[in-house]
């Protein structure tokens, strides 16, 4: 099984988000196409995903204290 590369730890979470924004949008588009979302649903879903990724000062991009 292939392992995914780990993101550089010296980049701020905001830069990680912005650096991967094109990929994030491509994944959102792919998911929406597979689910046959309407244009409005695509916009709502994409906005929701991006909001979740930046909420709590980009917390999801920071390593977890519980990770081994």
C-alpha atoms as a PDB file:
ATOM      1  CA  UNK A   1       0.000   0.000   0.000  1.00  0.00           C
ATOM      2  CA  UNK A   2       1.368   3.417  -0.954  1.00  0.00           C
ATOM      3  CA  UNK A   3       1.850   5.981   1.769  1.00  0.00           C
ATOM      4  CA  UNK A   4       0.797   9.566   1.356  1.00  0.00           C
ATOM      5  CA  UNK A   5       3.455  12.238   1.740  1.00  0.00           C
ATOM      6  CA  UNK A   6       3.184  14.280   4.887  1.00  0.00           C
ATOM      7  CA  UNK A   7       2.777  18.028   4.464  1.00  0.00           C
ATOM      8  CA  UNK A   8       5.732  20.175   5.450  1.00  0.00           C
ATOM      9  CA  UNK A   9       5.416  21.053   9.115  1.00  0.00           C
ATOM     10  CA  UNK A  10       6.931  24.481   8.754  1.00  0.00           C
ATOM     11  CA  UNK A  11       4.083  25.905   6.642  1.00  0.00           C
ATOM     12  CA  UNK A  12       1.292  27.783   8.402  1.00  0.00           C
ATOM     13  CA  UNK A  13      -2.117  26.056   8.138  1.00  0.00           C
ATOM     14  CA  UNK A  14      -3.515  28.898   6.022  1.00  0.00           C
ATOM     15  CA  UNK A  15      -0.740  28.397   3.464  1.00  0.00           C
ATOM     16  CA  UNK A  16      -1.458  24.656   3.344  1.00  0.00           C
ATOM     17  CA  UNK A  17      -5.122  25.398   2.648  1.00  0.00           C
ATOM     18  CA  UNK A  18      -4.354  27.961  -0.027  1.00  0.00           C
ATOM     19  CA  UNK A  19      -1.677  25.768  -1.572  1.00  0.00           C
ATOM     20  CA  UNK A  20      -4.149  22.897  -1.916  1.00  0.00           C
ATOM     21  CA  UNK A  21      -7.190  24.974  -2.866  1.00  0.00           C
ATOM     22  CA  UNK A  22      -7.191  23.835  -6.500  1.00  0.00           C
ATOM     23  CA  UNK A  23      -7.117  20.171  -5.413  1.00  0.00           C
ATOM     24  CA  UNK A  24      -9.840  20.811  -2.818  1.00  0.00           C
ATOM     25  CA  UNK A  25     -12.052  22.362  -5.490  1.00  0.00           C
ATOM     26  CA  UNK A  26     -11.387  19.446  -7.853  1.00  0.00           C
ATOM     27  CA  UNK A  27     -12.383  16.935  -5.174  1.00  0.00           C
ATOM     28  CA  UNK A  28     -15.528  18.943  -4.390  1.00  0.00           C
ATOM     29  CA  UNK A  29     -16.418  19.005  -8.100  1.00  0.00           C
ATOM     30  CA  UNK A  30     -15.839  15.274  -8.442  1.00  0.00           C
ATOM     31  CA  UNK A  31     -18.036  14.477  -5.427  1.00  0.00           C
ATOM     32  CA  UNK A  32     -20.789  16.741  -6.689  1.00  0.00           C
ATOM     33  CA  UNK A  33     -20.736  15.222 -10.182  1.00  0.00           C
ATOM     34  CA  UNK A  34     -20.947  11.699  -8.771  1.00  0.00           C
ATOM     35  CA  UNK A  35     -23.894  12.749  -6.618  1.00  0.00           C
ATOM     36  CA  UNK A  36     -25.615  14.608  -9.485  1.00  0.00           C
ATOM     37  CA  UNK A  37     -25.893  17.815  -7.468  1.00  0.00           C
ATOM     38  CA  UNK A  38     -27.647  20.846  -8.916  1.00  0.00           C
ATOM     39  CA  UNK A  39     -25.685  24.064  -9.414  1.00  0.00           C
ATOM     40  CA  UNK A  40     -27.071  25.461  -6.151  1.00  0.00           C
ATOM     41  CA  UNK A  41     -26.173  22.276  -4.260  1.00  0.00           C
ATOM     42  CA  UNK A  42     -22.640  22.412  -5.665  1.00  0.00           C
ATOM     43  CA  UNK A  43     -22.221  25.975  -4.420  1.00  0.00           C
ATOM     44  CA  UNK A  44     -23.658  25.138  -0.990  1.00  0.00           C
ATOM     45  CA  UNK A  45     -21.585  21.985  -0.597  1.00  0.00           C
ATOM     46  CA  UNK A  46     -18.374  23.663  -1.772  1.00  0.00           C
ATOM     47  CA  UNK A  47     -18.895  26.564   0.597  1.00  0.00           C
ATOM     48  CA  UNK A  48     -19.608  24.209   3.485  1.00  0.00           C
ATOM     49  CA  UNK A  49     -16.475  22.135   2.835  1.00  0.00           C
ATOM     50  CA  UNK A  50     -14.247  25.193   2.602  1.00  0.00           C
ATOM     51  CA  UNK A  51     -15.754  26.700   5.742  1.00  0.00           C
ATOM     52  CA  UNK A  52     -15.102  23.476   7.652  1.00  0.00           C
ATOM     53  CA  UNK A  53     -11.483  23.481   6.460  1.00  0.00           C
ATOM     54  CA  UNK A  54     -10.844  27.034   7.679  1.00  0.00           C
ATOM     55  CA  UNK A  55     -12.956  27.058  10.841  1.00  0.00           C
ATOM     56  CA  UNK A  56     -11.252  27.398  14.203  1.00  0.00           C
ATOM     57  CA  UNK A  57      -8.270  29.116  12.581  1.00  0.00           C
ATOM     58  CA  UNK A  58      -7.562  26.214  10.177  1.00  0.00           C
ATOM     59  CA  UNK A  59      -7.443  23.696  13.066  1.00  0.00           C
ATOM     60  CA  UNK A  60      -7.938  20.695  10.785  1.00  0.00           C
ATOM     61  CA  UNK A  61      -4.607  21.447   9.095  1.00  0.00           C
ATOM     62  CA  UNK A  62      -2.657  21.384  12.360  1.00  0.00           C
ATOM     63  CA  UNK A  63      -1.281  18.104  13.691  1.00  0.00           C
ATOM     64  CA  UNK A  64      -3.347  16.589  16.447  1.00  0.00           C
ATOM     65  CA  UNK A  65      -1.817  16.262  19.895  1.00  0.00           C
ATOM     66  CA  UNK A  66      -3.292  12.750  20.051  1.00  0.00           C
ATOM     67  CA  UNK A  67      -1.610  11.550  16.839  1.00  0.00           C
ATOM     68  CA  UNK A  68       1.160   8.985  17.198  1.00  0.00           C
END
